Amino acid sequence: MKLNELKPASRRAPKRRGRGHSAGQGKTCGRGVKGQHARSGGYHKTGFEGGQMPIQRRLPKFGFKSRKARLTAELRLHELGKAGAETIDIVTLKAAGLIPAAATRVKVIASGEIDRPVRLRGIAVTPGARKAIEAAGGSIED
């Protein structure tokens, strides 16, 4: 058996429109009475909302720039050693010039290696970086 050979166990017969009331689809053929939908060829284009300004025209057509990206800095594992302190926090990193002055949040990612124990305070850490810091004898305070 192949996917293109699959067939349903039963199949509903198509509606026989315009074959009288006894067929269940007589006279108006299930289109109701009058209006755009009742006419042949009387339909609307995709996205038409009855004259209301469509969603694709209401939304702005330019890219998205996160405001948080300006305040967030990313730090690699091997850069922690350049801070030159036992306890590392945002102020220490700014003083060492490792993160921008405008940064209010920092996240350490697992890139590179760390060879000495450090204590992080108030800095977010990825799971891989957490494992590497703790393996080097360091700790993380939230």
N, C-alpha and C. Protein backbone atom coordinates (compact mmCIF):
# COMPACT_ATOMS: atom_id res chain seq x y z
N MET A 1 0.84 -1.19 0.00
CA MET A 1 0.00 0.00 0.00
C MET A 1 0.88 1.25 0.00
N LYS A 2 0.52 2.22 -0.82
CA LYS A 2 1.26 3.47 -0.93
C LYS A 2 0.36 4.63 -0.54
N LEU A 3 0.96 5.74 -0.19
CA LEU A 3 0.17 6.90 0.23
C LEU A 3 -0.79 7.37 -0.84
N ASN A 4 -0.37 7.29 -2.11
CA ASN A 4 -1.24 7.76 -3.18
C ASN A 4 -2.34 6.76 -3.53
N GLU A 5 -2.32 5.60 -2.90
CA GLU A 5 -3.36 4.60 -3.15
C GLU A 5 -4.43 4.60 -2.06
N LEU A 6 -4.22 5.40 -1.00
CA LEU A 6 -5.20 5.45 0.10
C LEU A 6 -6.50 6.07 -0.37
N LYS A 7 -7.62 5.48 0.06
CA LYS A 7 -8.93 6.01 -0.27
C LYS A 7 -9.79 5.95 0.98
N PRO A 8 -10.70 6.89 1.15
CA PRO A 8 -11.57 6.84 2.33
C PRO A 8 -12.51 5.64 2.28
N ALA A 9 -12.89 5.16 3.47
CA ALA A 9 -13.79 4.00 3.53
C ALA A 9 -15.15 4.36 2.97
N SER A 10 -15.60 5.60 3.18
CA SER A 10 -16.88 6.03 2.63
C SER A 10 -16.72 7.45 2.11
N ARG A 11 -17.57 7.81 1.17
CA ARG A 11 -17.48 9.13 0.59
C ARG A 11 -18.86 9.73 0.46
N ARG A 12 -19.02 10.94 0.94
CA ARG A 12 -20.32 11.60 0.87
C ARG A 12 -20.59 12.02 -0.57
N ALA A 13 -21.80 11.79 -1.02
CA ALA A 13 -22.18 12.17 -2.39
C ALA A 13 -22.24 13.69 -2.49
N PRO A 14 -21.82 14.28 -3.60
CA PRO A 14 -21.87 15.74 -3.75
C PRO A 14 -23.30 16.25 -3.76
N LYS A 15 -23.48 17.50 -3.31
CA LYS A 15 -24.82 18.10 -3.30
C LYS A 15 -25.27 18.33 -4.73
N ARG A 16 -26.49 17.92 -5.04
CA ARG A 16 -27.03 18.11 -6.39
C ARG A 16 -27.85 19.39 -6.37
N ARG A 17 -27.19 20.48 -6.65
CA ARG A 17 -27.84 21.78 -6.56
C ARG A 17 -28.77 22.03 -7.74
N GLY A 18 -29.85 22.73 -7.45
CA GLY A 18 -30.79 23.11 -8.50
C GLY A 18 -31.63 21.97 -9.02
N ARG A 19 -31.86 20.94 -8.21
CA ARG A 19 -32.65 19.80 -8.65
C ARG A 19 -33.96 19.69 -7.88
N GLY A 20 -34.46 20.83 -7.41
CA GLY A 20 -35.77 20.83 -6.74
C GLY A 20 -35.65 20.74 -5.24
N HIS A 21 -36.76 21.04 -4.56
CA HIS A 21 -36.78 21.07 -3.09
C HIS A 21 -36.56 19.70 -2.49
N SER A 22 -37.00 18.67 -3.13
CA SER A 22 -36.84 17.32 -2.57
C SER A 22 -35.36 16.94 -2.47
N ALA A 23 -34.53 17.53 -3.31
CA ALA A 23 -33.09 17.25 -3.26
C ALA A 23 -32.41 18.06 -2.16
N GLY A 24 -33.14 19.01 -1.54
CA GLY A 24 -32.60 19.79 -0.44
C GLY A 24 -31.83 21.02 -0.89
N GLN A 25 -31.64 21.22 -2.17
CA GLN A 25 -30.90 22.37 -2.67
C GLN A 25 -31.63 23.01 -3.85
N GLY A 26 -32.93 23.16 -3.71
CA GLY A 26 -33.71 23.70 -4.82
C GLY A 26 -33.70 25.20 -4.88
N LYS A 27 -34.30 25.77 -5.88
CA LYS A 27 -34.47 27.19 -6.11
C LYS A 27 -33.18 27.99 -5.94
N THR A 28 -32.86 28.44 -4.72
CA THR A 28 -31.68 29.30 -4.56
C THR A 28 -30.40 28.49 -4.38
N CYS A 29 -30.49 27.19 -4.35
CA CYS A 29 -29.33 26.28 -4.28
C CYS A 29 -28.45 26.52 -3.05
N GLY A 30 -29.04 26.88 -1.93
CA GLY A 30 -28.27 27.07 -0.71
C GLY A 30 -27.53 28.39 -0.64
N ARG A 31 -27.82 29.31 -1.57
CA ARG A 31 -27.14 30.61 -1.58
C ARG A 31 -27.92 31.68 -0.81
N GLY A 32 -29.04 31.36 -0.30
CA GLY A 32 -29.86 32.35 0.40
C GLY A 32 -30.61 33.21 -0.60
N VAL A 33 -31.08 34.37 -0.15
CA VAL A 33 -31.89 35.23 -1.01
C VAL A 33 -31.17 36.55 -1.24
N LYS A 34 -31.02 36.92 -2.47
CA LYS A 34 -30.39 38.19 -2.89
C LYS A 34 -28.98 38.40 -2.33
N GLY A 35 -28.40 39.50 -2.67
CA GLY A 35 -27.08 39.87 -2.14
C GLY A 35 -25.95 39.39 -3.02
N GLN A 36 -24.78 39.87 -2.71
CA GLN A 36 -23.58 39.60 -3.51
C GLN A 36 -23.28 38.11 -3.61
N HIS A 37 -23.46 37.40 -2.53
CA HIS A 37 -23.13 35.97 -2.53
C HIS A 37 -24.13 35.14 -3.32
N ALA A 38 -25.30 35.67 -3.56
CA ALA A 38 -26.31 34.93 -4.30
C ALA A 38 -26.10 35.04 -5.81
N ARG A 39 -25.36 36.03 -6.25
CA ARG A 39 -25.17 36.25 -7.69
C ARG A 39 -24.07 35.36 -8.25
N SER A 40 -24.19 35.05 -9.52
CA SER A 40 -23.12 34.29 -10.16
C SER A 40 -21.96 35.25 -10.42
N GLY A 41 -20.78 34.84 -10.04
CA GLY A 41 -19.61 35.70 -10.20
C GLY A 41 -19.56 36.82 -9.19
N GLY A 42 -20.52 36.90 -8.29
CA GLY A 42 -20.56 37.97 -7.31
C GLY A 42 -19.84 37.60 -6.05
N TYR A 43 -18.57 37.71 -6.05
CA TYR A 43 -17.80 37.44 -4.86
C TYR A 43 -16.73 38.52 -4.74
N HIS A 44 -15.90 38.46 -3.75
CA HIS A 44 -14.91 39.52 -3.55
C HIS A 44 -13.51 38.93 -3.59
N LYS A 45 -12.56 39.82 -3.74
CA LYS A 45 -11.17 39.37 -3.79
C LYS A 45 -10.66 39.03 -2.40
N THR A 46 -9.55 38.32 -2.36
CA THR A 46 -8.94 37.92 -1.09
C THR A 46 -8.55 39.15 -0.29
N GLY A 47 -8.88 39.13 1.00
CA GLY A 47 -8.53 40.25 1.87
C GLY A 47 -9.57 41.34 1.91
N PHE A 48 -10.63 41.23 1.11
CA PHE A 48 -11.67 42.26 1.11
C PHE A 48 -12.49 42.15 2.38
N GLU A 49 -12.71 43.27 3.05
CA GLU A 49 -13.43 43.26 4.33
C GLU A 49 -14.69 44.10 4.27
N GLY A 50 -15.37 44.06 3.15
CA GLY A 50 -16.65 44.75 3.04
C GLY A 50 -16.52 46.25 2.99
N GLY A 51 -15.43 46.77 2.52
CA GLY A 51 -15.23 48.21 2.43
C GLY A 51 -14.42 48.77 3.58
N GLN A 52 -14.36 48.00 4.67
CA GLN A 52 -13.51 48.42 5.78
C GLN A 52 -12.06 48.35 5.31
N MET A 53 -11.21 49.22 5.86
CA MET A 53 -9.79 49.21 5.47
C MET A 53 -9.19 47.86 5.85
N PRO A 54 -8.70 47.08 4.88
CA PRO A 54 -8.20 45.73 5.17
C PRO A 54 -6.97 45.73 6.09
N ILE A 55 -6.80 44.61 6.79
CA ILE A 55 -5.71 44.50 7.75
C ILE A 55 -4.35 44.70 7.09
N GLN A 56 -4.19 44.21 5.86
CA GLN A 56 -2.88 44.35 5.21
C GLN A 56 -2.58 45.78 4.83
N ARG A 57 -3.58 46.65 4.83
CA ARG A 57 -3.34 48.07 4.57
C ARG A 57 -3.28 48.88 5.85
N ARG A 58 -3.83 48.33 6.95
CA ARG A 58 -3.81 49.05 8.23
C ARG A 58 -2.46 48.92 8.92
N LEU A 59 -1.77 47.81 8.68
CA LEU A 59 -0.52 47.57 9.37
C LEU A 59 0.64 48.30 8.70
N PRO A 60 1.60 48.78 9.46
CA PRO A 60 2.74 49.48 8.87
C PRO A 60 3.61 48.54 8.05
N LYS A 61 4.25 49.08 7.02
CA LYS A 61 5.01 48.24 6.10
C LYS A 61 6.52 48.41 6.27
N PHE A 62 6.97 48.61 7.48
CA PHE A 62 8.41 48.69 7.69
C PHE A 62 8.81 47.68 8.74
N GLY A 63 10.09 47.46 8.89
CA GLY A 63 10.61 46.43 9.77
C GLY A 63 10.39 46.73 11.25
N PHE A 64 10.75 45.77 12.07
CA PHE A 64 10.59 45.89 13.51
C PHE A 64 11.98 46.02 14.13
N LYS A 65 12.14 46.97 15.00
CA LYS A 65 13.40 47.15 15.70
C LYS A 65 13.11 47.14 17.20
N SER A 66 13.61 46.16 17.87
CA SER A 66 13.33 46.00 19.30
C SER A 66 13.97 47.12 20.11
N ARG A 67 13.22 47.68 21.02
CA ARG A 67 13.77 48.71 21.91
C ARG A 67 14.65 48.07 22.98
N LYS A 68 14.34 46.80 23.30
CA LYS A 68 15.10 46.10 24.33
C LYS A 68 16.51 45.75 23.86
N ALA A 69 16.69 45.60 22.54
CA ALA A 69 18.00 45.19 22.01
C ALA A 69 19.08 46.20 22.38
N ARG A 70 18.72 47.47 22.47
CA ARG A 70 19.66 48.54 22.80
C ARG A 70 20.16 48.39 24.25
N LEU A 71 19.30 47.85 25.10
CA LEU A 71 19.61 47.75 26.53
C LEU A 71 20.20 46.41 26.92
N THR A 72 20.23 45.45 25.99
CA THR A 72 20.70 44.11 26.31
C THR A 72 22.06 43.86 25.66
N ALA A 73 22.96 43.27 26.42
CA ALA A 73 24.28 42.93 25.90
C ALA A 73 24.51 41.43 26.02
N GLU A 74 25.30 40.91 25.09
CA GLU A 74 25.62 39.50 25.08
C GLU A 74 27.12 39.36 25.36
N LEU A 75 27.46 38.44 26.23
CA LEU A 75 28.85 38.27 26.63
C LEU A 75 29.24 36.81 26.45
N ARG A 76 30.44 36.56 25.94
CA ARG A 76 30.91 35.18 25.76
C ARG A 76 31.70 34.74 26.99
N LEU A 77 31.78 33.42 27.16
CA LEU A 77 32.46 32.87 28.33
C LEU A 77 33.90 33.36 28.47
N HIS A 78 34.64 33.32 27.38
CA HIS A 78 36.06 33.67 27.47
C HIS A 78 36.27 35.16 27.77
N GLU A 79 35.23 35.98 27.57
CA GLU A 79 35.35 37.41 27.87
C GLU A 79 35.22 37.70 29.37
N LEU A 80 34.69 36.74 30.13
CA LEU A 80 34.55 36.93 31.58
C LEU A 80 35.91 37.09 32.24
N GLY A 81 36.91 36.44 31.68
CA GLY A 81 38.26 36.53 32.24
C GLY A 81 38.85 37.92 32.10
N LYS A 82 38.41 38.69 31.12
CA LYS A 82 38.93 40.04 30.88
C LYS A 82 38.41 41.05 31.90
N ALA A 83 37.37 40.68 32.65
CA ALA A 83 36.79 41.61 33.63
C ALA A 83 37.78 41.89 34.76
N GLY A 84 38.61 40.89 35.10
CA GLY A 84 39.64 41.08 36.12
C GLY A 84 39.10 41.25 37.52
N ALA A 85 38.05 40.54 37.86
CA ALA A 85 37.50 40.61 39.21
C ALA A 85 36.95 39.24 39.59
N GLU A 86 36.90 38.99 40.90
CA GLU A 86 36.34 37.73 41.39
C GLU A 86 34.82 37.72 41.22
N THR A 87 34.20 38.80 41.67
CA THR A 87 32.75 38.94 41.55
C THR A 87 32.45 39.86 40.38
N ILE A 88 31.64 39.34 39.46
CA ILE A 88 31.34 40.11 38.25
C ILE A 88 29.87 40.49 38.24
N ASP A 89 29.61 41.79 38.07
CA ASP A 89 28.24 42.27 37.88
C ASP A 89 28.25 43.27 36.72
N ILE A 90 27.12 43.89 36.46
CA ILE A 90 26.99 44.79 35.31
C ILE A 90 27.94 45.98 35.42
N VAL A 91 28.08 46.52 36.62
CA VAL A 91 28.96 47.68 36.83
C VAL A 91 30.41 47.31 36.51
N THR A 92 30.83 46.13 36.94
CA THR A 92 32.20 45.66 36.68
C THR A 92 32.45 45.52 35.18
N LEU A 93 31.46 44.97 34.48
CA LEU A 93 31.60 44.76 33.04
C LEU A 93 31.66 46.09 32.28
N LYS A 94 30.88 47.07 32.73
CA LYS A 94 30.91 48.40 32.10
C LYS A 94 32.26 49.08 32.33
N ALA A 95 32.78 48.93 33.54
CA ALA A 95 34.07 49.53 33.87
C ALA A 95 35.20 48.91 33.04
N ALA A 96 35.07 47.62 32.76
CA ALA A 96 36.10 46.93 31.97
C ALA A 96 35.92 47.18 30.47
N GLY A 97 34.80 47.81 30.10
CA GLY A 97 34.53 48.12 28.69
C GLY A 97 34.09 46.91 27.87
N LEU A 98 33.54 45.91 28.56
CA LEU A 98 33.09 44.70 27.86
C LEU A 98 31.67 44.81 27.34
N ILE A 99 30.87 45.70 27.93
CA ILE A 99 29.49 45.91 27.48
C ILE A 99 29.25 47.40 27.28
N PRO A 100 28.27 47.77 26.46
CA PRO A 100 27.98 49.19 26.26
C PRO A 100 27.48 49.86 27.54
N ALA A 101 27.67 51.15 27.63
CA ALA A 101 27.26 51.91 28.82
C ALA A 101 25.75 51.92 29.00
N ALA A 102 25.00 51.80 27.89
CA ALA A 102 23.54 51.85 27.96
C ALA A 102 22.92 50.53 28.40
N ALA A 103 23.70 49.46 28.44
CA ALA A 103 23.17 48.13 28.76
C ALA A 103 22.65 48.06 30.19
N THR A 104 21.46 47.47 30.33
CA THR A 104 20.89 47.24 31.65
C THR A 104 20.75 45.76 31.96
N ARG A 105 20.88 44.93 30.91
CA ARG A 105 20.80 43.48 31.07
C ARG A 105 21.96 42.83 30.33
N VAL A 106 22.48 41.76 30.89
CA VAL A 106 23.59 41.03 30.26
C VAL A 106 23.28 39.55 30.32
N LYS A 107 23.62 38.84 29.24
CA LYS A 107 23.47 37.39 29.22
C LYS A 107 24.78 36.77 28.75
N VAL A 108 25.25 35.79 29.50
CA VAL A 108 26.49 35.09 29.15
C VAL A 108 26.12 33.87 28.33
N ILE A 109 26.78 33.72 27.16
CA ILE A 109 26.52 32.56 26.31
C ILE A 109 27.73 31.64 26.30
N ALA A 110 27.48 30.37 26.01
CA ALA A 110 28.53 29.36 26.03
C ALA A 110 29.34 29.40 24.74
N SER A 111 30.28 30.33 24.68
CA SER A 111 31.17 30.42 23.53
C SER A 111 32.58 30.64 24.06
N GLY A 112 33.47 29.75 23.73
CA GLY A 112 34.82 29.83 24.27
C GLY A 112 34.91 29.04 25.56
N GLU A 113 35.97 29.28 26.33
CA GLU A 113 36.19 28.53 27.56
C GLU A 113 36.52 29.48 28.71
N ILE A 114 36.24 29.02 29.90
CA ILE A 114 36.59 29.80 31.09
C ILE A 114 37.54 28.95 31.92
N ASP A 115 38.64 29.53 32.37
CA ASP A 115 39.67 28.75 33.05
C ASP A 115 39.79 29.04 34.54
N ARG A 116 39.14 30.10 35.02
CA ARG A 116 39.24 30.43 36.44
C ARG A 116 37.85 30.60 37.03
N PRO A 117 37.71 30.37 38.35
CA PRO A 117 36.38 30.50 38.97
C PRO A 117 35.96 31.97 39.08
N VAL A 118 34.72 32.24 38.74
CA VAL A 118 34.16 33.59 38.87
C VAL A 118 32.79 33.50 39.53
N ARG A 119 32.39 34.59 40.17
CA ARG A 119 31.08 34.66 40.80
C ARG A 119 30.27 35.71 40.06
N LEU A 120 29.18 35.30 39.42
CA LEU A 120 28.34 36.23 38.67
C LEU A 120 27.18 36.69 39.54
N ARG A 121 26.90 37.98 39.50
CA ARG A 121 25.79 38.52 40.29
C ARG A 121 24.90 39.37 39.38
N GLY A 122 23.61 39.01 39.28
CA GLY A 122 22.64 39.78 38.51
C GLY A 122 22.84 39.69 37.00
N ILE A 123 23.39 38.57 36.55
CA ILE A 123 23.63 38.38 35.12
C ILE A 123 22.98 37.08 34.69
N ALA A 124 22.26 37.13 33.56
CA ALA A 124 21.60 35.94 33.03
C ALA A 124 22.64 35.04 32.37
N VAL A 125 22.38 33.73 32.40
CA VAL A 125 23.33 32.76 31.88
C VAL A 125 22.58 31.66 31.12
N THR A 126 23.10 31.25 29.97
CA THR A 126 22.49 30.14 29.24
C THR A 126 22.83 28.83 29.95
N PRO A 127 22.04 27.78 29.72
CA PRO A 127 22.32 26.50 30.41
C PRO A 127 23.74 25.97 30.16
N GLY A 128 24.22 26.10 28.94
CA GLY A 128 25.56 25.62 28.61
C GLY A 128 26.64 26.42 29.32
N ALA A 129 26.45 27.73 29.41
CA ALA A 129 27.41 28.59 30.09
C ALA A 129 27.40 28.33 31.59
N ARG A 130 26.22 28.07 32.14
CA ARG A 130 26.10 27.77 33.57
C ARG A 130 26.91 26.52 33.92
N LYS A 131 26.80 25.51 33.06
CA LYS A 131 27.52 24.27 33.28
C LYS A 131 29.03 24.51 33.26
N ALA A 132 29.50 25.31 32.30
CA ALA A 132 30.93 25.59 32.16
C ALA A 132 31.46 26.40 33.34
N ILE A 133 30.68 27.38 33.81
CA ILE A 133 31.11 28.23 34.93
C ILE A 133 31.21 27.39 36.21
N GLU A 134 30.21 26.54 36.45
CA GLU A 134 30.22 25.71 37.64
C GLU A 134 31.31 24.64 37.58
N ALA A 135 31.63 24.16 36.36
CA ALA A 135 32.71 23.17 36.20
C ALA A 135 34.07 23.80 36.50
N ALA A 136 34.20 25.12 36.25
CA ALA A 136 35.44 25.83 36.53
C ALA A 136 35.54 26.24 38.00
N GLY A 137 34.51 25.94 38.78
CA GLY A 137 34.51 26.27 40.21
C GLY A 137 33.83 27.59 40.54
N GLY A 138 33.14 28.18 39.57
CA GLY A 138 32.45 29.44 39.79
C GLY A 138 31.03 29.24 40.29
N SER A 139 30.35 30.37 40.56
CA SER A 139 28.95 30.30 41.02
C SER A 139 28.15 31.43 40.39
N ILE A 140 26.83 31.26 40.42
CA ILE A 140 25.94 32.26 39.81
C ILE A 140 24.87 32.64 40.82
N GLU A 141 24.77 33.94 41.09
CA GLU A 141 23.74 34.47 41.98
C GLU A 141 22.74 35.23 41.14
N ASP A 142 21.47 34.98 41.36
CA ASP A 142 20.43 35.68 40.57
C ASP A 142 20.03 36.98 41.16
